[in-house]
């Protein structure tokens, strides 16, 4: 019984984050402050500074430096 209960509990936790968005609710999600990047100009500026210092672009989600010294 425990062998089936644990996978069912894990599946319930994984699928609980899914939500259906109604068409009349999509306007709230399309607002500027709901974006993942609320200030694209500042992000572009920070990317330029990072690129200038590290001589690499992209990979903003990873830790460590461009020198390979993590």
PDB file of N, CA and C in Angstrom:
ATOM      1  N   UNK A   1       0.817  -1.192   0.000  1.00  0.00           N
ATOM      2  CA  UNK A   1       0.000   0.000   0.000  1.00  0.00           C
ATOM      3  C   UNK A   1       0.864   1.261   0.000  1.00  0.00           C
ATOM      4  N   UNK A   2       1.966   1.261   0.723  1.00  0.00           N
ATOM      5  CA  UNK A   2       2.859   2.425   0.778  1.00  0.00           C
ATOM      6  C   UNK A   2       3.530   2.662  -0.565  1.00  0.00           C
ATOM      7  N   UNK A   3       3.721   1.568  -1.332  1.00  0.00           N
ATOM      8  CA  UNK A   3       4.370   1.723  -2.628  1.00  0.00           C
ATOM      9  C   UNK A   3       3.507   2.505  -3.601  1.00  0.00           C
ATOM     10  N   UNK A   4       2.213   2.438  -3.455  1.00  0.00           N
ATOM     11  CA  UNK A   4       1.334   3.203  -4.342  1.00  0.00           C
ATOM     12  C   UNK A   4       0.958   4.556  -3.742  1.00  0.00           C
ATOM     13  N   UNK A   5       0.993   4.656  -2.439  1.00  0.00           N
ATOM     14  CA  UNK A   5       0.609   5.905  -1.793  1.00  0.00           C
ATOM     15  C   UNK A   5       1.647   7.007  -2.025  1.00  0.00           C
ATOM     16  N   UNK A   6       2.912   6.675  -1.937  1.00  0.00           N
ATOM     17  CA  UNK A   6       3.968   7.685  -2.100  1.00  0.00           C
ATOM     18  C   UNK A   6       3.965   8.272  -3.513  1.00  0.00           C
ATOM     19  N   UNK A   7       3.924   7.460  -4.578  1.00  0.00           N
ATOM     20  CA  UNK A   7       3.863   8.088  -5.918  1.00  0.00           C
ATOM     21  C   UNK A   7       2.598   8.922  -6.142  1.00  0.00           C
ATOM     22  N   UNK A   8       1.487   8.512  -5.556  1.00  0.00           N
ATOM     23  CA  UNK A   8       0.269   9.307  -5.686  1.00  0.00           C
ATOM     24  C   UNK A   8       0.399  10.645  -4.970  1.00  0.00           C
ATOM     25  N   UNK A   9       1.051  10.656  -3.832  1.00  0.00           N
ATOM     26  CA  UNK A   9       1.259  11.911  -3.106  1.00  0.00           C
ATOM     27  C   UNK A   9       2.208  12.831  -3.874  1.00  0.00           C
ATOM     28  N   UNK A  10       3.257  12.265  -4.449  1.00  0.00           N
ATOM     29  CA  UNK A  10       4.199  13.062  -5.240  1.00  0.00           C
ATOM     30  C   UNK A  10       3.495  13.635  -6.467  1.00  0.00           C
ATOM     31  N   UNK A  11       2.691  12.815  -7.135  1.00  0.00           N
ATOM     32  CA  UNK A  11       1.951  13.299  -8.304  1.00  0.00           C
ATOM     33  C   UNK A  11       0.977  14.404  -7.913  1.00  0.00           C
ATOM     34  N   UNK A  12       0.330  14.281  -6.782  1.00  0.00           N
ATOM     35  CA  UNK A  12      -0.603  15.312  -6.326  1.00  0.00           C
ATOM     36  C   UNK A  12       0.129  16.624  -6.071  1.00  0.00           C
ATOM     37  N   UNK A  13       1.326  16.553  -5.515  1.00  0.00           N
ATOM     38  CA  UNK A  13       2.099  17.775  -5.275  1.00  0.00           C
ATOM     39  C   UNK A  13       2.566  18.405  -6.580  1.00  0.00           C
ATOM     40  N   UNK A  14       2.968  17.575  -7.541  1.00  0.00           N
ATOM     41  CA  UNK A  14       3.461  18.107  -8.809  1.00  0.00           C
ATOM     42  C   UNK A  14       2.346  18.747  -9.628  1.00  0.00           C
ATOM     43  N   UNK A  15       1.184  18.143  -9.648  1.00  0.00           N
ATOM     44  CA  UNK A  15       0.103  18.640 -10.483  1.00  0.00           C
ATOM     45  C   UNK A  15      -0.743  19.706  -9.803  1.00  0.00           C
ATOM     46  N   UNK A  16      -0.481  19.993  -8.552  1.00  0.00           N
ATOM     47  CA  UNK A  16      -1.272  21.024  -7.875  1.00  0.00           C
ATOM     48  C   UNK A  16      -0.888  22.424  -8.332  1.00  0.00           C
ATOM     49  N   UNK A  17       0.281  22.592  -8.953  1.00  0.00           N
ATOM     50  CA  UNK A  17       0.709  23.900  -9.426  1.00  0.00           C
ATOM     51  C   UNK A  17       0.108  24.285 -10.765  1.00  0.00           C
ATOM     52  N   UNK A  18      -0.531  23.358 -11.446  1.00  0.00           N
ATOM     53  CA  UNK A  18      -1.141  23.658 -12.736  1.00  0.00           C
ATOM     54  C   UNK A  18      -2.464  24.396 -12.516  1.00  0.00           C
ATOM     55  N   UNK A  19      -2.667  25.430 -13.295  1.00  0.00           N
ATOM     56  CA  UNK A  19      -3.906  26.191 -13.173  1.00  0.00           C
ATOM     57  C   UNK A  19      -4.397  26.560 -14.562  1.00  0.00           C
ATOM     58  N   UNK A  20      -5.683  26.497 -14.746  1.00  0.00           N
ATOM     59  CA  UNK A  20      -6.291  26.948 -15.992  1.00  0.00           C
ATOM     60  C   UNK A  20      -6.644  28.414 -15.837  1.00  0.00           C
ATOM     61  N   UNK A  21      -6.201  29.202 -16.797  1.00  0.00           N
ATOM     62  CA  UNK A  21      -6.470  30.635 -16.767  1.00  0.00           C
ATOM     63  C   UNK A  21      -7.631  30.913 -17.702  1.00  0.00           C
ATOM     64  N   UNK A  22      -8.630  31.546 -17.178  1.00  0.00           N
ATOM     65  CA  UNK A  22      -9.808  31.899 -17.967  1.00  0.00           C
ATOM     66  C   UNK A  22      -9.466  33.049 -18.921  1.00  0.00           C
ATOM     67  N   UNK A  23     -10.126  33.144 -20.061  1.00  0.00           N
ATOM     68  CA  UNK A  23      -9.814  34.211 -21.015  1.00  0.00           C
ATOM     69  C   UNK A  23      -9.935  35.610 -20.422  1.00  0.00           C
ATOM     70  N   UNK A  24     -10.881  35.829 -19.519  1.00  0.00           N
ATOM     71  CA  UNK A  24     -11.038  37.164 -18.938  1.00  0.00           C
ATOM     72  C   UNK A  24     -10.013  37.447 -17.843  1.00  0.00           C
ATOM     73  N   UNK A  25      -9.208  36.444 -17.450  1.00  0.00           N
ATOM     74  CA  UNK A  25      -8.154  36.659 -16.467  1.00  0.00           C
ATOM     75  C   UNK A  25      -6.800  36.912 -17.126  1.00  0.00           C
ATOM     76  N   UNK A  26      -6.702  36.679 -18.402  1.00  0.00           N
ATOM     77  CA  UNK A  26      -5.418  36.817 -19.093  1.00  0.00           C
ATOM     78  C   UNK A  26      -4.948  38.256 -19.166  1.00  0.00           C
ATOM     79  N   UNK A  27      -5.857  39.210 -19.112  1.00  0.00           N
ATOM     80  CA  UNK A  27      -5.426  40.606 -19.146  1.00  0.00           C
ATOM     81  C   UNK A  27      -4.628  40.963 -17.897  1.00  0.00           C
ATOM     82  N   UNK A  28      -4.919  40.328 -16.780  1.00  0.00           N
ATOM     83  CA  UNK A  28      -4.158  40.591 -15.554  1.00  0.00           C
ATOM     84  C   UNK A  28      -2.740  40.036 -15.664  1.00  0.00           C
ATOM     85  N   UNK A  29      -2.591  38.897 -16.334  1.00  0.00           N
ATOM     86  CA  UNK A  29      -1.269  38.294 -16.482  1.00  0.00           C
ATOM     87  C   UNK A  29      -0.440  39.001 -17.547  1.00  0.00           C
ATOM     88  N   UNK A  30      -1.074  39.766 -18.419  1.00  0.00           N
ATOM     89  CA  UNK A  30      -0.354  40.455 -19.480  1.00  0.00           C
ATOM     90  C   UNK A  30       0.151  41.829 -19.056  1.00  0.00           C
ATOM     91  N   UNK A  31      -0.123  42.238 -17.835  1.00  0.00           N
ATOM     92  CA  UNK A  31       0.328  43.555 -17.384  1.00  0.00           C
ATOM     93  C   UNK A  31       1.846  43.576 -17.224  1.00  0.00           C
ATOM     94  N   UNK A  32       2.408  44.761 -17.330  1.00  0.00           N
ATOM     95  CA  UNK A  32       3.857  44.926 -17.329  1.00  0.00           C
ATOM     96  C   UNK A  32       4.503  44.447 -16.025  1.00  0.00           C
ATOM     97  N   UNK A  33       3.863  44.702 -14.898  1.00  0.00           N
ATOM     98  CA  UNK A  33       4.466  44.325 -13.624  1.00  0.00           C
ATOM     99  C   UNK A  33       4.384  42.820 -13.354  1.00  0.00           C
ATOM    100  N   UNK A  34       3.648  42.082 -14.191  1.00  0.00           N
ATOM    101  CA  UNK A  34       3.565  40.629 -14.041  1.00  0.00           C
ATOM    102  C   UNK A  34       4.619  39.904 -14.871  1.00  0.00           C
ATOM    103  N   UNK A  35       5.378  40.631 -15.662  1.00  0.00           N
ATOM    104  CA  UNK A  35       6.380  40.020 -16.526  1.00  0.00           C
ATOM    105  C   UNK A  35       7.552  39.503 -15.691  1.00  0.00           C
ATOM    106  N   UNK A  36       8.225  38.475 -16.200  1.00  0.00           N
ATOM    107  CA  UNK A  36       9.404  37.963 -15.508  1.00  0.00           C
ATOM    108  C   UNK A  36      10.514  39.001 -15.482  1.00  0.00           C
ATOM    109  N   UNK A  37      10.587  39.787 -16.539  1.00  0.00           N
ATOM    110  CA  UNK A  37      11.578  40.849 -16.627  1.00  0.00           C
ATOM    111  C   UNK A  37      10.815  42.166 -16.690  1.00  0.00           C
ATOM    112  N   UNK A  38      10.575  42.763 -15.523  1.00  0.00           N
ATOM    113  CA  UNK A  38       9.738  43.960 -15.483  1.00  0.00           C
ATOM    114  C   UNK A  38      10.440  45.207 -16.007  1.00  0.00           C
ATOM    115  N   UNK A  39      11.762  45.197 -16.078  1.00  0.00           N
ATOM    116  CA  UNK A  39      12.495  46.351 -16.588  1.00  0.00           C
ATOM    117  C   UNK A  39      13.524  45.873 -17.612  1.00  0.00           C
ATOM    118  N   UNK A  40      13.117  45.692 -18.871  1.00  0.00           N
ATOM    119  CA  UNK A  40      14.038  45.146 -19.870  1.00  0.00           C
ATOM    120  C   UNK A  40      15.228  46.056 -20.169  1.00  0.00           C
ATOM    121  N   UNK A  41      15.052  47.360 -20.037  1.00  0.00           N
ATOM    122  CA  UNK A  41      16.172  48.266 -20.294  1.00  0.00           C
ATOM    123  C   UNK A  41      17.271  48.076 -19.245  1.00  0.00           C
ATOM    124  N   UNK A  42      16.870  47.946 -17.980  1.00  0.00           N
ATOM    125  CA  UNK A  42      17.851  47.723 -16.917  1.00  0.00           C
ATOM    126  C   UNK A  42      18.539  46.358 -17.089  1.00  0.00           C
ATOM    127  N   UNK A  43      17.778  45.361 -17.490  1.00  0.00           N
ATOM    128  CA  UNK A  43      18.358  44.037 -17.709  1.00  0.00           C
ATOM    129  C   UNK A  43      19.352  44.058 -18.858  1.00  0.00           C
ATOM    130  N   UNK A  44      19.023  44.775 -19.930  1.00  0.00           N
ATOM    131  CA  UNK A  44      19.952  44.886 -21.054  1.00  0.00           C
ATOM    132  C   UNK A  44      21.222  45.611 -20.631  1.00  0.00           C
ATOM    133  N   UNK A  45      21.072  46.648 -19.815  1.00  0.00           N
ATOM    134  CA  UNK A  45      22.239  47.385 -19.313  1.00  0.00           C
ATOM    135  C   UNK A  45      23.112  46.490 -18.435  1.00  0.00           C
ATOM    136  N   UNK A  46      22.479  45.725 -17.526  1.00  0.00           N
ATOM    137  CA  UNK A  46      23.241  44.815 -16.673  1.00  0.00           C
ATOM    138  C   UNK A  46      23.907  43.709 -17.481  1.00  0.00           C
ATOM    139  N   UNK A  47      23.237  43.216 -18.525  1.00  0.00           N
ATOM    140  CA  UNK A  47      23.846  42.214 -19.398  1.00  0.00           C
ATOM    141  C   UNK A  47      25.069  42.780 -20.104  1.00  0.00           C
ATOM    142  N   UNK A  48      24.973  44.039 -20.535  1.00  0.00           N
ATOM    143  CA  UNK A  48      26.108  44.669 -21.206  1.00  0.00           C
ATOM    144  C   UNK A  48      27.297  44.808 -20.259  1.00  0.00           C
ATOM    145  N   UNK A  49      27.031  45.203 -19.030  1.00  0.00           N
ATOM    146  CA  UNK A  49      28.115  45.322 -18.043  1.00  0.00           C
ATOM    147  C   UNK A  49      28.737  43.949 -17.773  1.00  0.00           C
ATOM    148  N   UNK A  50      27.898  42.934 -17.596  1.00  0.00           N
ATOM    149  CA  UNK A  50      28.412  41.585 -17.345  1.00  0.00           C
ATOM    150  C   UNK A  50      29.238  41.100 -18.528  1.00  0.00           C
ATOM    151  N   UNK A  51      28.741  41.338 -19.747  1.00  0.00           N
ATOM    152  CA  UNK A  51      29.475  40.918 -20.937  1.00  0.00           C
ATOM    153  C   UNK A  51      30.818  41.627 -21.017  1.00  0.00           C
ATOM    154  N   UNK A  52      30.840  42.918 -20.677  1.00  0.00           N
ATOM    155  CA  UNK A  52      32.084  43.684 -20.755  1.00  0.00           C
ATOM    156  C   UNK A  52      33.109  43.203 -19.737  1.00  0.00           C
ATOM    157  N   UNK A  53      32.644  42.793 -18.564  1.00  0.00           N
ATOM    158  CA  UNK A  53      33.574  42.340 -17.527  1.00  0.00           C
ATOM    159  C   UNK A  53      34.015  40.900 -17.718  1.00  0.00           C
ATOM    160  N   UNK A  54      33.098  40.021 -18.130  1.00  0.00           N
ATOM    161  CA  UNK A  54      33.386  38.597 -18.174  1.00  0.00           C
ATOM    162  C   UNK A  54      33.722  38.089 -19.571  1.00  0.00           C
ATOM    163  N   UNK A  55      33.523  38.905 -20.601  1.00  0.00           N
ATOM    164  CA  UNK A  55      33.755  38.508 -21.989  1.00  0.00           C
ATOM    165  C   UNK A  55      32.915  37.292 -22.356  1.00  0.00           C
ATOM    166  N   UNK A  56      31.701  37.243 -21.834  1.00  0.00           N
ATOM    167  CA  UNK A  56      30.768  36.173 -22.186  1.00  0.00           C
ATOM    168  C   UNK A  56      29.365  36.736 -22.133  1.00  0.00           C
ATOM    169  N   UNK A  57      28.465  36.115 -22.857  1.00  0.00           N
ATOM    170  CA  UNK A  57      27.084  36.583 -22.832  1.00  0.00           C
ATOM    171  C   UNK A  57      26.159  35.411 -22.578  1.00  0.00           C
ATOM    172  N   UNK A  58      24.969  35.708 -22.055  1.00  0.00           N
ATOM    173  CA  UNK A  58      24.002  34.665 -21.759  1.00  0.00           C
ATOM    174  C   UNK A  58      24.328  33.961 -20.473  1.00  0.00           C
ATOM    175  N   UNK A  59      23.526  32.978 -20.116  1.00  0.00           N
ATOM    176  CA  UNK A  59      23.772  32.181 -18.916  1.00  0.00           C
ATOM    177  C   UNK A  59      23.613  32.952 -17.626  1.00  0.00           C
ATOM    178  N   UNK A  60      22.626  33.834 -17.576  1.00  0.00           N
ATOM    179  CA  UNK A  60      22.470  34.655 -16.379  1.00  0.00           C
ATOM    180  C   UNK A  60      22.028  33.845 -15.179  1.00  0.00           C
ATOM    181  N   UNK A  61      21.503  32.653 -15.368  1.00  0.00           N
ATOM    182  CA  UNK A  61      20.985  31.875 -14.261  1.00  0.00           C
ATOM    183  C   UNK A  61      22.016  31.000 -13.592  1.00  0.00           C
ATOM    184  N   UNK A  62      23.248  31.041 -14.019  1.00  0.00           N
ATOM    185  CA  UNK A  62      24.259  30.147 -13.465  1.00  0.00           C
ATOM    186  C   UNK A  62      25.250  30.922 -12.616  1.00  0.00           C
ATOM    187  N   UNK A  63      25.716  30.291 -11.558  1.00  0.00           N
ATOM    188  CA  UNK A  63      26.685  30.919 -10.683  1.00  0.00           C
ATOM    189  C   UNK A  63      28.090  30.752 -11.216  1.00  0.00           C
ATOM    190  N   UNK A  64      29.003  31.452 -10.622  1.00  0.00           N
ATOM    191  CA  UNK A  64      30.402  31.340 -11.043  1.00  0.00           C
ATOM    192  C   UNK A  64      30.774  32.446 -11.986  1.00  0.00           C
ATOM    193  N   UNK A  65      32.045  32.575 -12.222  1.00  0.00           N
ATOM    194  CA  UNK A  65      32.545  33.614 -13.094  1.00  0.00           C
ATOM    195  C   UNK A  65      32.966  33.079 -14.441  1.00  0.00           C
ATOM    196  N   UNK A  66      33.411  33.958 -15.307  1.00  0.00           N
ATOM    197  CA  UNK A  66      33.849  33.564 -16.638  1.00  0.00           C
ATOM    198  C   UNK A  66      35.256  33.003 -16.658  1.00  0.00           C
ATOM    199  N   UNK A  67      35.943  33.039 -15.496  1.00  0.00           N
ATOM    200  CA  UNK A  67      37.320  32.573 -15.468  1.00  0.00           C
ATOM    201  C   UNK A  67      37.403  31.073 -15.221  1.00  0.00           C
ATOM    202  N   UNK A  68      36.282  30.400 -14.945  1.00  0.00           N
ATOM    203  CA  UNK A  68      36.299  28.964 -14.707  1.00  0.00           C
ATOM    204  C   UNK A  68      36.623  28.627 -13.267  1.00  0.00           C
ATOM    205  N   UNK A  69      36.588  29.589 -12.368  1.00  0.00           N
ATOM    206  CA  UNK A  69      36.962  29.334 -10.977  1.00  0.00           C
ATOM    207  C   UNK A  69      35.769  29.039 -10.084  1.00  0.00           C
ATOM    208  N   UNK A  70      34.568  28.978 -10.615  1.00  0.00           N
ATOM    209  CA  UNK A  70      33.332  28.649  -9.886  1.00  0.00           C
ATOM    210  C   UNK A  70      33.521  28.774  -8.401  1.00  0.00           C
TER     211      UNK A  70
END
